[in-house]
């Protein structure tokens, strides 16, 4: 009987622990401070710039307007999994980057590849 009681207590402890671990908040890294500030300005992120945004705040976004924000690194954008429209406005290119991009249209199917190409 005592062994059965210990088993029940162990099971309850594991169950409670798994719920606690499963509810931990996940964050997405946003290393560009201008990108994170833009998210703060749009009330997607909050508080001081800390290089991360709560993933739950970005996964359901459908549109994102980032015109004139001087963002140099879009790392983390790949976690905006429902993003359908991304407006970067005019892109000021560094002449040393060997590109002359002045307009960027977001194409959902190959999102990660396009951003890597754009930012290299």
N, C-alpha and C. Protein backbone atom coordinates (compact mmCIF):
# COMPACT_ATOMS: atom_id res chain seq x y z
N UNK A 1 0.83 -1.19 0.00
CA UNK A 1 0.00 0.00 0.00
C UNK A 1 0.87 1.26 0.00
N UNK A 2 1.93 1.24 0.82
CA UNK A 2 2.81 2.38 0.90
C UNK A 2 3.51 2.61 -0.45
N UNK A 3 3.89 1.54 -1.14
CA UNK A 3 4.54 1.61 -2.42
C UNK A 3 3.61 2.25 -3.46
N UNK A 4 2.33 1.92 -3.43
CA UNK A 4 1.34 2.49 -4.33
C UNK A 4 1.18 3.99 -4.08
N UNK A 5 1.20 4.41 -2.83
CA UNK A 5 1.09 5.82 -2.46
C UNK A 5 2.30 6.59 -3.00
N UNK A 6 3.49 6.04 -2.86
CA UNK A 6 4.72 6.68 -3.37
C UNK A 6 4.67 6.83 -4.88
N UNK A 7 4.15 5.83 -5.54
CA UNK A 7 4.02 5.88 -6.99
C UNK A 7 3.07 6.99 -7.42
N UNK A 8 1.95 7.14 -6.71
CA UNK A 8 0.99 8.20 -7.02
C UNK A 8 1.62 9.58 -6.80
N UNK A 9 2.34 9.74 -5.71
CA UNK A 9 2.99 11.03 -5.42
C UNK A 9 4.03 11.34 -6.48
N UNK A 10 4.81 10.35 -6.87
CA UNK A 10 5.82 10.54 -7.92
C UNK A 10 5.17 10.94 -9.24
N UNK A 11 4.09 10.27 -9.58
CA UNK A 11 3.37 10.57 -10.81
C UNK A 11 2.85 12.01 -10.80
N UNK A 12 2.24 12.43 -9.69
CA UNK A 12 1.73 13.80 -9.58
C UNK A 12 2.85 14.83 -9.67
N UNK A 13 3.97 14.54 -9.06
CA UNK A 13 5.12 15.44 -9.10
C UNK A 13 5.61 15.61 -10.54
N UNK A 14 5.74 14.51 -11.25
CA UNK A 14 6.19 14.56 -12.65
C UNK A 14 5.18 15.31 -13.51
N UNK A 15 3.91 15.08 -13.28
CA UNK A 15 2.87 15.76 -14.02
C UNK A 15 2.93 17.27 -13.79
N UNK A 16 3.06 17.70 -12.56
CA UNK A 16 3.17 19.12 -12.24
C UNK A 16 4.44 19.73 -12.83
N UNK A 17 5.53 19.02 -12.75
CA UNK A 17 6.79 19.51 -13.28
C UNK A 17 6.72 19.66 -14.80
N UNK A 18 6.09 18.73 -15.49
CA UNK A 18 5.98 18.81 -16.95
C UNK A 18 5.13 20.01 -17.36
N UNK A 19 4.10 20.31 -16.61
CA UNK A 19 3.28 21.50 -16.91
C UNK A 19 4.07 22.77 -16.70
N UNK A 20 4.89 22.81 -15.69
CA UNK A 20 5.70 23.99 -15.42
C UNK A 20 6.71 24.21 -16.53
N UNK A 21 7.38 23.16 -16.95
CA UNK A 21 8.38 23.26 -18.00
C UNK A 21 7.73 23.63 -19.33
N UNK A 22 6.59 23.06 -19.62
CA UNK A 22 5.90 23.32 -20.87
C UNK A 22 5.38 24.74 -20.99
N UNK A 23 5.19 25.42 -19.88
CA UNK A 23 4.64 26.77 -19.92
C UNK A 23 5.72 27.84 -19.92
N UNK A 24 6.97 27.44 -19.96
CA UNK A 24 8.06 28.41 -20.00
C UNK A 24 7.95 29.22 -21.28
N UNK A 25 8.17 30.52 -21.18
CA UNK A 25 8.05 31.38 -22.34
C UNK A 25 9.28 31.25 -23.23
N UNK A 26 9.04 31.23 -24.53
CA UNK A 26 10.12 31.13 -25.48
C UNK A 26 10.35 32.48 -26.12
N UNK A 27 11.61 32.76 -26.39
CA UNK A 27 12.00 34.04 -26.98
C UNK A 27 12.71 33.81 -28.31
N UNK A 28 12.61 34.80 -29.18
CA UNK A 28 13.30 34.81 -30.46
C UNK A 28 14.37 35.88 -30.41
N UNK A 29 15.56 35.53 -30.83
CA UNK A 29 16.68 36.46 -30.84
C UNK A 29 16.48 37.52 -31.93
N UNK A 30 16.64 38.77 -31.53
CA UNK A 30 16.58 39.91 -32.45
C UNK A 30 17.84 40.75 -32.17
N UNK A 31 18.97 40.39 -32.81
CA UNK A 31 20.23 41.06 -32.47
C UNK A 31 20.34 42.51 -32.93
N UNK A 32 19.60 42.92 -33.95
CA UNK A 32 19.68 44.30 -34.43
C UNK A 32 18.83 45.19 -33.52
N UNK A 33 19.47 46.13 -32.86
CA UNK A 33 18.74 46.98 -31.90
C UNK A 33 17.70 47.85 -32.59
N UNK A 34 17.93 48.26 -33.84
CA UNK A 34 16.93 49.04 -34.57
C UNK A 34 15.70 48.19 -34.91
N UNK A 35 15.93 46.93 -35.24
CA UNK A 35 14.82 46.02 -35.51
C UNK A 35 14.00 45.83 -34.24
N UNK A 36 14.67 45.61 -33.12
CA UNK A 36 13.92 45.43 -31.88
C UNK A 36 13.20 46.71 -31.47
N UNK A 37 13.84 47.87 -31.66
CA UNK A 37 13.18 49.14 -31.33
C UNK A 37 11.92 49.33 -32.18
N UNK A 38 11.99 48.92 -33.45
CA UNK A 38 10.81 49.00 -34.31
C UNK A 38 9.68 48.13 -33.77
N UNK A 39 10.04 46.94 -33.27
CA UNK A 39 9.03 46.05 -32.68
C UNK A 39 8.45 46.65 -31.40
N UNK A 40 9.29 47.33 -30.63
CA UNK A 40 8.81 48.01 -29.42
C UNK A 40 7.87 49.15 -29.80
N UNK A 41 8.26 49.93 -30.81
CA UNK A 41 7.43 51.04 -31.28
C UNK A 41 6.06 50.57 -31.76
N UNK A 42 6.01 49.35 -32.30
CA UNK A 42 4.75 48.78 -32.79
C UNK A 42 4.00 48.00 -31.71
N UNK A 43 4.47 48.06 -30.47
CA UNK A 43 3.89 47.34 -29.33
C UNK A 43 3.88 45.82 -29.52
N UNK A 44 4.84 45.32 -30.28
CA UNK A 44 5.01 43.89 -30.45
C UNK A 44 5.96 43.37 -29.37
N UNK A 45 6.92 44.19 -29.00
CA UNK A 45 7.86 43.91 -27.92
C UNK A 45 7.66 45.01 -26.89
N UNK A 46 8.21 44.82 -25.71
CA UNK A 46 8.05 45.84 -24.67
C UNK A 46 9.32 45.93 -23.84
N UNK A 47 9.41 47.02 -23.08
CA UNK A 47 10.54 47.21 -22.19
C UNK A 47 11.77 47.70 -22.93
N UNK A 48 12.92 47.49 -22.31
CA UNK A 48 14.18 47.93 -22.87
C UNK A 48 14.65 46.95 -23.94
N UNK A 49 15.52 47.42 -24.81
CA UNK A 49 16.11 46.56 -25.83
C UNK A 49 17.00 45.54 -25.15
N UNK A 50 16.69 44.25 -25.39
CA UNK A 50 17.46 43.17 -24.74
C UNK A 50 17.86 42.07 -25.73
N UNK A 51 17.65 42.33 -27.03
CA UNK A 51 18.07 41.36 -28.04
C UNK A 51 17.13 40.20 -28.25
N UNK A 52 15.92 40.31 -27.73
CA UNK A 52 14.96 39.22 -27.89
C UNK A 52 13.53 39.74 -27.83
N UNK A 53 12.63 38.95 -28.39
CA UNK A 53 11.20 39.26 -28.37
C UNK A 53 10.47 37.97 -28.01
N UNK A 54 9.39 38.10 -27.30
CA UNK A 54 8.57 36.95 -26.94
C UNK A 54 8.00 36.32 -28.22
N UNK A 55 8.32 35.06 -28.46
CA UNK A 55 7.90 34.38 -29.69
C UNK A 55 6.38 34.40 -29.85
N UNK A 56 5.65 34.27 -28.77
CA UNK A 56 4.19 34.29 -28.83
C UNK A 56 3.67 35.61 -29.41
N UNK A 57 4.45 36.69 -29.30
CA UNK A 57 4.03 37.99 -29.82
C UNK A 57 4.24 38.13 -31.32
N UNK A 58 5.02 37.25 -31.93
CA UNK A 58 5.35 37.42 -33.34
C UNK A 58 4.81 36.33 -34.26
N UNK A 59 4.49 35.18 -33.71
CA UNK A 59 4.14 34.06 -34.59
C UNK A 59 2.83 34.26 -35.35
N UNK A 60 1.93 35.09 -34.88
CA UNK A 60 0.65 35.28 -35.55
C UNK A 60 0.55 36.58 -36.34
N UNK A 61 1.65 37.35 -36.40
CA UNK A 61 1.63 38.60 -37.17
C UNK A 61 1.49 38.31 -38.65
N UNK A 62 0.64 39.07 -39.31
CA UNK A 62 0.44 38.90 -40.75
C UNK A 62 1.14 40.01 -41.53
N UNK A 63 1.24 41.19 -40.95
CA UNK A 63 1.90 42.31 -41.63
C UNK A 63 2.90 42.96 -40.70
N UNK A 64 3.94 43.51 -41.31
CA UNK A 64 4.98 44.20 -40.54
C UNK A 64 5.53 45.33 -41.39
N UNK A 65 5.43 46.55 -40.88
CA UNK A 65 5.90 47.73 -41.60
C UNK A 65 7.12 48.28 -40.88
N UNK A 66 8.26 48.26 -41.58
CA UNK A 66 9.53 48.67 -40.97
C UNK A 66 10.23 49.75 -41.78
N UNK A 67 9.48 50.60 -42.46
CA UNK A 67 10.05 51.67 -43.28
C UNK A 67 10.82 52.67 -42.42
N UNK A 68 12.00 53.04 -42.92
CA UNK A 68 12.78 54.10 -42.29
C UNK A 68 13.34 53.76 -40.92
N UNK A 69 13.55 52.51 -40.62
CA UNK A 69 14.00 52.10 -39.29
C UNK A 69 15.50 51.80 -39.21
N UNK A 70 16.21 51.93 -40.32
CA UNK A 70 17.67 51.70 -40.37
C UNK A 70 18.06 50.32 -39.84
N UNK A 71 17.30 49.32 -40.20
CA UNK A 71 17.57 47.96 -39.77
C UNK A 71 18.62 47.36 -40.70
N UNK A 72 19.67 46.83 -40.11
CA UNK A 72 20.75 46.23 -40.89
C UNK A 72 20.72 44.71 -40.87
N UNK A 73 20.04 44.12 -39.89
CA UNK A 73 20.06 42.67 -39.72
C UNK A 73 18.65 42.21 -39.39
N UNK A 74 18.08 41.38 -40.24
CA UNK A 74 16.72 40.86 -40.02
C UNK A 74 16.73 39.49 -39.36
N UNK A 75 17.81 39.14 -38.69
CA UNK A 75 17.86 37.87 -37.98
C UNK A 75 16.67 37.79 -37.02
N UNK A 76 15.98 36.68 -37.06
CA UNK A 76 14.79 36.48 -36.24
C UNK A 76 13.51 36.54 -37.05
N UNK A 77 13.57 37.16 -38.23
CA UNK A 77 12.36 37.31 -39.05
C UNK A 77 11.81 35.95 -39.47
N UNK A 78 12.68 34.93 -39.51
CA UNK A 78 12.22 33.60 -39.92
C UNK A 78 11.24 32.99 -38.92
N UNK A 79 11.15 33.56 -37.72
CA UNK A 79 10.21 33.07 -36.71
C UNK A 79 8.86 33.79 -36.77
N UNK A 80 8.71 34.75 -37.67
CA UNK A 80 7.43 35.41 -37.92
C UNK A 80 6.69 34.51 -38.91
N UNK A 81 6.29 33.35 -38.46
CA UNK A 81 5.85 32.26 -39.34
C UNK A 81 4.56 32.52 -40.12
N UNK A 82 3.75 33.46 -39.72
CA UNK A 82 2.51 33.76 -40.45
C UNK A 82 2.58 35.09 -41.20
N UNK A 83 3.78 35.64 -41.30
CA UNK A 83 3.97 36.92 -41.97
C UNK A 83 3.63 36.81 -43.44
N UNK A 84 2.74 37.68 -43.90
CA UNK A 84 2.33 37.70 -45.31
C UNK A 84 2.80 38.95 -46.01
N UNK A 85 2.99 40.04 -45.26
CA UNK A 85 3.39 41.30 -45.87
C UNK A 85 4.49 41.94 -45.02
N UNK A 86 5.59 42.26 -45.68
CA UNK A 86 6.72 42.91 -45.01
C UNK A 86 7.09 44.13 -45.82
N UNK A 87 7.01 45.31 -45.21
CA UNK A 87 7.34 46.56 -45.89
C UNK A 87 8.61 47.12 -45.28
N UNK A 88 9.69 47.08 -46.05
CA UNK A 88 10.97 47.62 -45.60
C UNK A 88 11.21 49.02 -46.16
N UNK A 89 10.35 49.47 -47.07
CA UNK A 89 10.55 50.77 -47.68
C UNK A 89 11.78 50.75 -48.58
N UNK A 90 12.41 51.90 -48.72
CA UNK A 90 13.61 52.01 -49.52
C UNK A 90 14.78 51.47 -48.72
N UNK A 91 15.59 50.67 -49.35
CA UNK A 91 16.75 50.08 -48.69
C UNK A 91 17.98 50.88 -49.09
N UNK A 92 18.66 51.46 -48.11
CA UNK A 92 19.90 52.19 -48.37
C UNK A 92 21.04 51.19 -48.38
N UNK A 93 21.60 50.97 -49.55
CA UNK A 93 22.62 49.95 -49.71
C UNK A 93 24.01 50.49 -49.43
N UNK A 94 24.81 49.66 -48.85
CA UNK A 94 26.22 49.92 -48.69
C UNK A 94 26.86 49.59 -50.04
N UNK A 95 27.54 50.53 -50.70
CA UNK A 95 28.12 50.25 -52.02
C UNK A 95 29.12 49.10 -52.00
N UNK A 96 29.66 48.77 -50.84
CA UNK A 96 30.61 47.66 -50.74
C UNK A 96 29.93 46.30 -50.73
N UNK A 97 28.62 46.26 -50.72
CA UNK A 97 27.89 44.99 -50.65
C UNK A 97 27.56 44.42 -52.03
N UNK A 98 27.93 45.12 -53.08
CA UNK A 98 27.73 44.65 -54.45
C UNK A 98 26.27 44.42 -54.81
N UNK A 99 25.39 45.25 -54.33
CA UNK A 99 24.01 45.17 -54.79
C UNK A 99 23.45 46.57 -54.92
N UNK A 100 22.40 46.70 -55.67
CA UNK A 100 21.77 48.00 -55.89
C UNK A 100 20.28 47.89 -55.62
N UNK A 101 19.93 47.17 -54.59
CA UNK A 101 18.51 46.95 -54.26
C UNK A 101 17.91 48.26 -53.77
N UNK A 102 16.80 48.65 -54.37
CA UNK A 102 16.09 49.83 -53.90
C UNK A 102 14.65 49.50 -53.52
N UNK A 103 14.24 48.29 -53.85
CA UNK A 103 12.89 47.85 -53.51
C UNK A 103 12.97 46.38 -53.16
N UNK A 104 12.23 45.98 -52.15
CA UNK A 104 12.25 44.58 -51.74
C UNK A 104 10.82 44.11 -51.57
N UNK A 105 10.45 43.05 -52.25
CA UNK A 105 9.13 42.47 -52.11
C UNK A 105 9.27 41.14 -51.39
N UNK A 106 8.50 40.95 -50.39
CA UNK A 106 8.52 39.72 -49.60
C UNK A 106 7.82 38.61 -50.36
N UNK A 107 8.49 37.46 -50.46
CA UNK A 107 7.92 36.29 -51.12
C UNK A 107 7.91 35.16 -50.11
N UNK A 108 6.75 34.74 -49.68
CA UNK A 108 6.61 33.85 -48.53
C UNK A 108 7.23 32.47 -48.71
N UNK A 109 7.14 31.87 -49.86
CA UNK A 109 7.57 30.49 -50.03
C UNK A 109 9.05 30.28 -49.69
N UNK A 110 9.89 31.20 -50.07
CA UNK A 110 11.32 31.05 -49.86
C UNK A 110 11.86 32.16 -48.95
N UNK A 111 11.12 32.47 -47.93
CA UNK A 111 11.42 33.59 -47.04
C UNK A 111 12.85 33.56 -46.52
N UNK A 112 13.29 32.49 -45.90
CA UNK A 112 14.61 32.45 -45.28
C UNK A 112 15.71 32.64 -46.32
N UNK A 113 15.57 32.03 -47.49
CA UNK A 113 16.59 32.16 -48.52
C UNK A 113 16.69 33.58 -49.03
N UNK A 114 15.56 34.25 -49.22
CA UNK A 114 15.57 35.63 -49.72
C UNK A 114 16.26 36.55 -48.72
N UNK A 115 15.96 36.42 -47.45
CA UNK A 115 16.57 37.29 -46.45
C UNK A 115 18.07 37.06 -46.37
N UNK A 116 18.52 35.83 -46.45
CA UNK A 116 19.95 35.55 -46.42
C UNK A 116 20.62 36.19 -47.63
N UNK A 117 20.01 36.08 -48.80
CA UNK A 117 20.56 36.66 -50.01
C UNK A 117 20.61 38.19 -49.89
N UNK A 118 19.55 38.77 -49.41
CA UNK A 118 19.46 40.22 -49.29
C UNK A 118 20.49 40.78 -48.33
N UNK A 119 20.73 40.10 -47.24
CA UNK A 119 21.57 40.65 -46.18
C UNK A 119 23.04 40.27 -46.29
N UNK A 120 23.41 39.44 -47.26
CA UNK A 120 24.82 39.07 -47.40
C UNK A 120 25.60 40.13 -48.11
